[in-house]
Amino acid sequence: MLLQKKDKLVMIGDSITDCGRKKPEGEGRTDALGNGYVSLVNSFLQSFYPERGIRVVNMGISGNTVRDLNARWQTDVIDQKPDWLSIMIGINDVWRQYDLPQVVEKHVYIEEYEQTLRDLVERTKPSLKGLILMTPFYIEPNASDLMRAAMDQYGQVVRKVAADHQAVFVDTQQAFAPVLEHIYPATLAWDRVHPNMTGHMTLAKAFLNAIGFSWNGDK
């Protein structure tokens, strides 16, 4: 398993990462993990690898795009001094193009998305033990759906950046594929974006598998 003793893992992203971590009425706490895949990842690490004393920090903020991550990168990533960093961003970058098509100032097109993600990775990687890049996703099995097709293009950007920087790559869209063979999308997420606990478990499992998590721990 890639995370070692006393490693600090910072996980940053949008509402899927946030998942109740940052309350609307106040500032988010760096000890709050939310109610989604970040909390599940932490629970599995503490349960299966208690002797490693790994610390997980959730820095997700609902509604964020990669542009927003760039604006808060110094305080929410660099100043946190992570050993490992996980980034999952892109859903809102795509979604705003579909739910707010006329509000173009909120759109983050794929060229800006790729350049900003690359800049953040290049700025941070020298200080890290390791980097994990997770694709954005859309819980829709029809790959011809317009938003799903766009999300896949952004996911390919993540794949390319991960390959270029030897980062751990997590294909979250592919992780949902076998589940969606049996479960209707709206059952996992009413808006095909914000998953229920089954969806968050799917994300957590994909993340853990990618970092070499053993379901037997260190035994």
C-alpha atoms as a PDB file:
ATOM      1  CA  MET A   1       0.000   0.000   0.000  1.00  0.00           C
ATOM      2  CA  LEU A   2       1.448   3.291  -1.140  1.00  0.00           C
ATOM      3  CA  LEU A   3       0.627   5.382   1.925  1.00  0.00           C
ATOM      4  CA  GLN A   4       3.196   4.853   4.642  1.00  0.00           C
ATOM      5  CA  LYS A   5       3.484   5.513   8.379  1.00  0.00           C
ATOM      6  CA  LYS A   6       2.362   9.018   9.440  1.00  0.00           C
ATOM      7  CA  ASP A   7       1.645  10.095   5.862  1.00  0.00           C
ATOM      8  CA  LYS A   8      -0.756  12.998   5.413  1.00  0.00           C
ATOM      9  CA  LEU A   9      -3.218  12.646   2.537  1.00  0.00           C
ATOM     10  CA  VAL A  10      -5.012  15.807   1.388  1.00  0.00           C
ATOM     11  CA  MET A  11      -8.040  15.230  -0.834  1.00  0.00           C
ATOM     12  CA  ILE A  12      -9.302  18.257  -2.745  1.00  0.00           C
ATOM     13  CA  GLY A  13     -12.227  18.756  -5.114  1.00  0.00           C
ATOM     14  CA  ASP A  14     -15.811  19.921  -5.410  1.00  0.00           C
ATOM     15  CA  SER A  15     -19.082  18.908  -3.708  1.00  0.00           C
ATOM     16  CA  ILE A  16     -18.423  15.196  -4.227  1.00  0.00           C
ATOM     17  CA  THR A  17     -15.306  15.554  -2.099  1.00  0.00           C
ATOM     18  CA  ASP A  18     -16.812  18.150   0.265  1.00  0.00           C
ATOM     19  CA  CYS A  19     -19.986  16.123   0.917  1.00  0.00           C
ATOM     20  CA  GLY A  20     -21.037  18.102   4.003  1.00  0.00           C
ATOM     21  CA  ARG A  21     -17.513  18.896   5.174  1.00  0.00           C
ATOM     22  CA  LYS A  22     -17.938  22.657   4.668  1.00  0.00           C
ATOM     23  CA  LYS A  23     -21.119  24.015   6.190  1.00  0.00           C
ATOM     24  CA  PRO A  24     -22.834  26.906   4.353  1.00  0.00           C
ATOM     25  CA  GLU A  25     -22.960  29.010   7.522  1.00  0.00           C
ATOM     26  CA  GLY A  26     -19.266  28.808   8.334  1.00  0.00           C
ATOM     27  CA  GLU A  27     -15.779  27.896   7.297  1.00  0.00           C
ATOM     28  CA  GLY A  28     -14.851  24.293   6.681  1.00  0.00           C
ATOM     29  CA  ARG A  29     -12.692  22.585   9.293  1.00  0.00           C
ATOM     30  CA  THR A  30      -9.608  20.654   8.318  1.00  0.00           C
ATOM     31  CA  ASP A  31     -10.624  17.904  10.762  1.00  0.00           C
ATOM     32  CA  ALA A  32     -14.055  17.450   9.149  1.00  0.00           C
ATOM     33  CA  LEU A  33     -14.218  14.641   6.593  1.00  0.00           C
ATOM     34  CA  GLY A  34     -17.777  14.955   5.321  1.00  0.00           C
ATOM     35  CA  ASN A  35     -20.110  12.057   4.616  1.00  0.00           C
ATOM     36  CA  GLY A  36     -18.778  10.704   1.328  1.00  0.00           C
ATOM     37  CA  TYR A  37     -15.885   8.854  -0.261  1.00  0.00           C
ATOM     38  CA  VAL A  38     -13.247  10.804   1.685  1.00  0.00           C
ATOM     39  CA  SER A  39     -14.731   9.669   4.982  1.00  0.00           C
ATOM     40  CA  LEU A  40     -14.951   6.101   3.674  1.00  0.00           C
ATOM     41  CA  VAL A  41     -11.320   6.147   2.537  1.00  0.00           C
ATOM     42  CA  ASN A  42     -10.296   7.400   5.967  1.00  0.00           C
ATOM     43  CA  SER A  43     -12.367   4.756   7.756  1.00  0.00           C
ATOM     44  CA  PHE A  44     -10.916   1.918   5.708  1.00  0.00           C
ATOM     45  CA  LEU A  45      -7.361   3.180   6.194  1.00  0.00           C
ATOM     46  CA  GLN A  46      -7.844   3.509   9.960  1.00  0.00           C
ATOM     47  CA  SER A  47      -9.554   0.119  10.219  1.00  0.00           C
ATOM     48  CA  PHE A  48      -7.191  -1.918   8.023  1.00  0.00           C
ATOM     49  CA  TYR A  49      -3.931  -0.017   8.618  1.00  0.00           C
ATOM     50  CA  PRO A  50      -4.282   1.423  12.154  1.00  0.00           C
ATOM     51  CA  GLU A  51      -0.572   1.024  12.857  1.00  0.00           C
ATOM     52  CA  ARG A  52       0.353   3.456  10.076  1.00  0.00           C
ATOM     53  CA  GLY A  53      -1.384   6.464  11.661  1.00  0.00           C
ATOM     54  CA  ILE A  54      -2.311   7.971   8.288  1.00  0.00           C
ATOM     55  CA  ARG A  55      -4.034  11.364   8.429  1.00  0.00           C
ATOM     56  CA  VAL A  56      -6.690  12.216   5.843  1.00  0.00           C
ATOM     57  CA  VAL A  57      -7.674  15.861   5.278  1.00  0.00           C
ATOM     58  CA  ASN A  58     -10.730  16.860   3.223  1.00  0.00           C
ATOM     59  CA  MET A  59     -10.369  20.175   1.357  1.00  0.00           C
ATOM     60  CA  GLY A  60     -13.361  19.827  -0.964  1.00  0.00           C
ATOM     61  CA  ILE A  61     -15.665  22.817  -1.515  1.00  0.00           C
ATOM     62  CA  SER A  62     -19.047  22.483  -3.181  1.00  0.00           C
ATOM     63  CA  GLY A  63     -19.411  24.130  -6.579  1.00  0.00           C
ATOM     64  CA  ASN A  64     -15.685  24.404  -7.247  1.00  0.00           C
ATOM     65  CA  THR A  65     -14.106  24.234 -10.673  1.00  0.00           C
ATOM     66  CA  VAL A  66     -10.400  23.869 -11.407  1.00  0.00           C
ATOM     67  CA  ARG A  67     -10.364  27.682 -11.583  1.00  0.00           C
ATOM     68  CA  ASP A  68     -11.543  27.832  -7.970  1.00  0.00           C
ATOM     69  CA  LEU A  69      -8.912  25.302  -6.903  1.00  0.00           C
ATOM     70  CA  ASN A  70      -6.260  27.490  -8.462  1.00  0.00           C
ATOM     71  CA  ALA A  71      -7.466  30.486  -6.435  1.00  0.00           C
ATOM     72  CA  ARG A  72      -7.170  28.669  -3.092  1.00  0.00           C
ATOM     73  CA  TRP A  73      -4.250  26.364  -3.861  1.00  0.00           C
ATOM     74  CA  GLN A  74      -1.696  28.047  -1.596  1.00  0.00           C
ATOM     75  CA  THR A  75      -3.787  27.904   1.587  1.00  0.00           C
ATOM     76  CA  ASP A  76      -5.680  24.680   0.937  1.00  0.00           C
ATOM     77  CA  VAL A  77      -2.885  22.548  -0.516  1.00  0.00           C
ATOM     78  CA  ILE A  78       0.619  24.037  -0.294  1.00  0.00           C
ATOM     79  CA  ASP A  79       0.205  25.293   3.286  1.00  0.00           C
ATOM     80  CA  GLN A  80      -1.252  21.932   4.334  1.00  0.00           C
ATOM     81  CA  LYS A  81       2.106  20.288   3.506  1.00  0.00           C
ATOM     82  CA  PRO A  82       0.642  16.964   2.324  1.00  0.00           C
ATOM     83  CA  ASP A  83       2.730  13.878   1.707  1.00  0.00           C
ATOM     84  CA  TRP A  84       0.117  12.635  -0.734  1.00  0.00           C
ATOM     85  CA  LEU A  85      -2.394  14.717  -2.686  1.00  0.00           C
ATOM     86  CA  SER A  86      -5.597  13.525  -4.368  1.00  0.00           C
ATOM     87  CA  ILE A  87      -7.394  15.768  -6.871  1.00  0.00           C
ATOM     88  CA  MET A  88     -10.861  15.126  -8.285  1.00  0.00           C
ATOM     89  CA  ILE A  89     -12.182  18.143 -10.176  1.00  0.00           C
ATOM     90  CA  GLY A  90     -14.015  18.813 -13.437  1.00  0.00           C
ATOM     91  CA  ILE A  91     -17.676  18.030 -12.873  1.00  0.00           C
ATOM     92  CA  ASN A  92     -18.685  21.681 -12.462  1.00  0.00           C
ATOM     93  CA  ASP A  93     -16.295  22.740 -15.226  1.00  0.00           C
ATOM     94  CA  VAL A  94     -18.453  20.632 -17.562  1.00  0.00           C
ATOM     95  CA  TRP A  95     -21.838  20.966 -15.834  1.00  0.00           C
ATOM     96  CA  ARG A  96     -21.979  24.779 -15.962  1.00  0.00           C
ATOM     97  CA  GLN A  97     -21.800  24.529 -19.750  1.00  0.00           C
ATOM     98  CA  TYR A  98     -25.059  22.548 -19.688  1.00  0.00           C
ATOM     99  CA  ASP A  99     -27.131  23.874 -16.779  1.00  0.00           C
ATOM    100  CA  LEU A 100     -26.085  27.521 -17.306  1.00  0.00           C
ATOM    101  CA  PRO A 101     -25.384  27.636 -21.045  1.00  0.00           C
ATOM    102  CA  GLN A 102     -25.764  31.415 -21.315  1.00  0.00           C
ATOM    103  CA  VAL A 103     -23.581  32.241 -18.290  1.00  0.00           C
ATOM    104  CA  VAL A 104     -20.332  31.783 -20.150  1.00  0.00           C
ATOM    105  CA  GLU A 105     -18.174  33.376 -17.457  1.00  0.00           C
ATOM    106  CA  LYS A 106     -18.807  30.282 -15.336  1.00  0.00           C
ATOM    107  CA  HIS A 107     -17.726  27.885 -18.081  1.00  0.00           C
ATOM    108  CA  VAL A 108     -14.280  26.304 -17.830  1.00  0.00           C
ATOM    109  CA  TYR A 109     -13.502  24.972 -21.282  1.00  0.00           C
ATOM    110  CA  ILE A 110     -11.203  22.041 -21.804  1.00  0.00           C
ATOM    111  CA  GLU A 111      -8.124  24.068 -22.791  1.00  0.00           C
ATOM    112  CA  GLU A 112      -8.239  26.111 -19.578  1.00  0.00           C
ATOM    113  CA  TYR A 113      -9.042  22.975 -17.601  1.00  0.00           C
ATOM    114  CA  GLU A 114      -5.989  21.129 -18.875  1.00  0.00           C
ATOM    115  CA  GLN A 115      -3.600  24.039 -18.540  1.00  0.00           C
ATOM    116  CA  THR A 116      -4.740  24.871 -14.991  1.00  0.00           C
ATOM    117  CA  LEU A 117      -4.613  21.250 -13.858  1.00  0.00           C
ATOM    118  CA  ARG A 118      -1.120  20.899 -15.311  1.00  0.00           C
ATOM    119  CA  ASP A 119       0.015  24.100 -13.612  1.00  0.00           C
ATOM    120  CA  LEU A 120      -1.285  22.933 -10.225  1.00  0.00           C
ATOM    121  CA  VAL A 121       0.354  19.537 -10.597  1.00  0.00           C
ATOM    122  CA  GLU A 122       3.691  21.013 -11.677  1.00  0.00           C
ATOM    123  CA  ARG A 123       3.590  23.544  -8.845  1.00  0.00           C
ATOM    124  CA  THR A 124       2.963  20.902  -6.189  1.00  0.00           C
ATOM    125  CA  LYS A 125       4.531  17.632  -7.283  1.00  0.00           C
ATOM    126  CA  PRO A 126       8.131  18.392  -6.189  1.00  0.00           C
ATOM    127  CA  SER A 127       7.022  18.597  -2.532  1.00  0.00           C
ATOM    128  CA  LEU A 128       4.927  15.405  -2.592  1.00  0.00           C
ATOM    129  CA  LYS A 129       5.663  11.747  -2.004  1.00  0.00           C
ATOM    130  CA  GLY A 130       2.885  10.944  -4.433  1.00  0.00           C
ATOM    131  CA  LEU A 131      -0.037  12.318  -6.426  1.00  0.00           C
ATOM    132  CA  ILE A 132      -3.429  10.744  -7.197  1.00  0.00           C
ATOM    133  CA  LEU A 133      -5.567  12.122 -10.035  1.00  0.00           C
ATOM    134  CA  MET A 134      -9.217  11.077 -10.220  1.00  0.00           C
ATOM    135  CA  THR A 135     -11.380  11.735 -13.259  1.00  0.00           C
ATOM    136  CA  PRO A 136     -14.619  13.667 -13.076  1.00  0.00           C
ATOM    137  CA  PHE A 137     -17.673  11.516 -13.812  1.00  0.00           C
ATOM    138  CA  TYR A 138     -21.311  11.577 -14.874  1.00  0.00           C
ATOM    139  CA  ILE A 139     -23.492   8.742 -13.634  1.00  0.00           C
ATOM    140  CA  GLU A 140     -24.942   7.935 -17.040  1.00  0.00           C
ATOM    141  CA  PRO A 141     -24.224   4.675 -18.906  1.00  0.00           C
ATOM    142  CA  ASN A 142     -25.020   6.140 -22.336  1.00  0.00           C
ATOM    143  CA  ALA A 143     -21.647   7.399 -23.582  1.00  0.00           C
ATOM    144  CA  SER A 144     -23.456   9.338 -26.357  1.00  0.00           C
ATOM    145  CA  ASP A 145     -25.262  11.538 -23.855  1.00  0.00           C
ATOM    146  CA  LEU A 146     -23.908  15.045 -24.471  1.00  0.00           C
ATOM    147  CA  MET A 147     -22.795  15.743 -20.913  1.00  0.00           C
ATOM    148  CA  ARG A 148     -21.395  12.235 -20.451  1.00  0.00           C
ATOM    149  CA  ALA A 149     -19.423  12.600 -23.708  1.00  0.00           C
ATOM    150  CA  ALA A 150     -18.010  15.949 -22.573  1.00  0.00           C
ATOM    151  CA  MET A 151     -17.144  14.524 -19.153  1.00  0.00           C
ATOM    152  CA  ASP A 152     -15.275  11.681 -20.834  1.00  0.00           C
ATOM    153  CA  GLN A 153     -13.176  14.223 -22.748  1.00  0.00           C
ATOM    154  CA  TYR A 154     -12.222  15.955 -19.497  1.00  0.00           C
ATOM    155  CA  GLY A 155     -11.476  12.544 -18.022  1.00  0.00           C
ATOM    156  CA  GLN A 156      -9.067  11.885 -20.866  1.00  0.00           C
ATOM    157  CA  VAL A 157      -7.253  15.094 -19.940  1.00  0.00           C
ATOM    158  CA  VAL A 158      -6.808  13.746 -16.413  1.00  0.00           C
ATOM    159  CA  ARG A 159      -5.515  10.459 -17.808  1.00  0.00           C
ATOM    160  CA  LYS A 160      -2.982  12.331 -19.959  1.00  0.00           C
ATOM    161  CA  VAL A 161      -1.775  14.572 -17.123  1.00  0.00           C
ATOM    162  CA  ALA A 162      -1.457  11.543 -14.811  1.00  0.00           C
ATOM    163  CA  ALA A 163       0.622   9.694 -17.404  1.00  0.00           C
ATOM    164  CA  ASP A 164       2.844  12.702 -18.042  1.00  0.00           C
ATOM    165  CA  HIS A 165       3.588  13.094 -14.318  1.00  0.00           C
ATOM    166  CA  GLN A 166       3.642   9.430 -13.243  1.00  0.00           C
ATOM    167  CA  ALA A 167       0.673  10.009 -10.958  1.00  0.00           C
ATOM    168  CA  VAL A 168      -1.686   7.327  -9.682  1.00  0.00           C
ATOM    169  CA  PHE A 169      -4.711   7.416 -11.985  1.00  0.00           C
ATOM    170  CA  VAL A 170      -8.270   6.631 -10.873  1.00  0.00           C
ATOM    171  CA  ASP A 171     -10.870   6.237 -13.635  1.00  0.00           C
ATOM    172  CA  THR A 172     -14.029   6.952 -11.652  1.00  0.00           C
ATOM    173  CA  GLN A 173     -16.266   6.793 -14.732  1.00  0.00           C
ATOM    174  CA  GLN A 174     -15.098   3.257 -15.417  1.00  0.00           C
ATOM    175  CA  ALA A 175     -15.590   2.382 -11.749  1.00  0.00           C
ATOM    176  CA  PHE A 176     -19.305   3.144 -12.109  1.00  0.00           C
ATOM    177  CA  ALA A 177     -19.691   1.066 -15.290  1.00  0.00           C
ATOM    178  CA  PRO A 178     -20.297  -2.380 -13.706  1.00  0.00           C
ATOM    179  CA  VAL A 179     -22.634  -0.876 -11.110  1.00  0.00           C
ATOM    180  CA  LEU A 180     -24.686   0.840 -13.816  1.00  0.00           C
ATOM    181  CA  GLU A 181     -25.228  -2.493 -15.539  1.00  0.00           C
ATOM    182  CA  HIS A 182     -27.583  -3.354 -12.687  1.00  0.00           C
ATOM    183  CA  ILE A 183     -28.646  -0.107 -11.007  1.00  0.00           C
ATOM    184  CA  TYR A 184     -30.536   2.746 -12.694  1.00  0.00           C
ATOM    185  CA  PRO A 185     -28.523   6.011 -12.648  1.00  0.00           C
ATOM    186  CA  ALA A 186     -31.137   8.001 -10.713  1.00  0.00           C
ATOM    187  CA  THR A 187     -31.006   5.351  -7.994  1.00  0.00           C
ATOM    188  CA  LEU A 188     -27.330   6.177  -7.449  1.00  0.00           C
ATOM    189  CA  ALA A 189     -27.707   9.938  -7.941  1.00  0.00           C
ATOM    190  CA  TRP A 190     -30.938  11.835  -8.517  1.00  0.00           C
ATOM    191  CA  ASP A 191     -29.089  14.392 -10.678  1.00  0.00           C
ATOM    192  CA  ARG A 192     -26.544  11.878 -12.034  1.00  0.00           C
ATOM    193  CA  VAL A 193     -23.816  13.846 -10.240  1.00  0.00           C
ATOM    194  CA  HIS A 194     -24.216  13.689  -6.456  1.00  0.00           C
ATOM    195  CA  PRO A 195     -24.070   9.994  -5.530  1.00  0.00           C
ATOM    196  CA  ASN A 196     -25.702   8.233  -2.612  1.00  0.00           C
ATOM    197  CA  MET A 197     -23.605   6.099  -0.268  1.00  0.00           C
ATOM    198  CA  THR A 198     -23.448   3.252  -2.797  1.00  0.00           C
ATOM    199  CA  GLY A 199     -21.938   5.686  -5.282  1.00  0.00           C
ATOM    200  CA  HIS A 200     -19.490   7.040  -2.730  1.00  0.00           C
ATOM    201  CA  MET A 201     -18.482   3.487  -1.837  1.00  0.00           C
ATOM    202  CA  THR A 202     -17.819   2.885  -5.536  1.00  0.00           C
ATOM    203  CA  LEU A 203     -15.504   5.920  -5.563  1.00  0.00           C
ATOM    204  CA  ALA A 204     -13.768   4.887  -2.348  1.00  0.00           C
ATOM    205  CA  LYS A 205     -13.201   1.348  -3.612  1.00  0.00           C
ATOM    206  CA  ALA A 206     -11.693   2.618  -6.873  1.00  0.00           C
ATOM    207  CA  PHE A 207      -9.416   4.987  -4.956  1.00  0.00           C
ATOM    208  CA  LEU A 208      -8.272   2.334  -2.493  1.00  0.00           C
ATOM    209  CA  ASN A 209      -7.616  -0.229  -5.210  1.00  0.00           C
ATOM    210  CA  ALA A 210      -5.510   2.331  -7.099  1.00  0.00           C
ATOM    211  CA  ILE A 211      -3.227   2.943  -4.101  1.00  0.00           C
ATOM    212  CA  GLY A 212      -2.645  -0.757  -3.502  1.00  0.00           C
ATOM    213  CA  PHE A 213      -4.941  -1.081  -0.494  1.00  0.00           C
ATOM    214  CA  SER A 214      -5.067  -4.637   0.821  1.00  0.00           C
ATOM    215  CA  TRP A 215      -8.309  -5.856   2.329  1.00  0.00           C
ATOM    216  CA  ASN A 216      -6.108  -7.816   4.756  1.00  0.00           C
ATOM    217  CA  GLY A 217      -4.190  -4.724   5.874  1.00  0.00           C
ATOM    218  CA  ASP A 218      -0.565  -5.362   6.822  1.00  0.00           C
ATOM    219  CA  LYS A 219      -1.288  -8.906   7.956  1.00  0.00           C
END
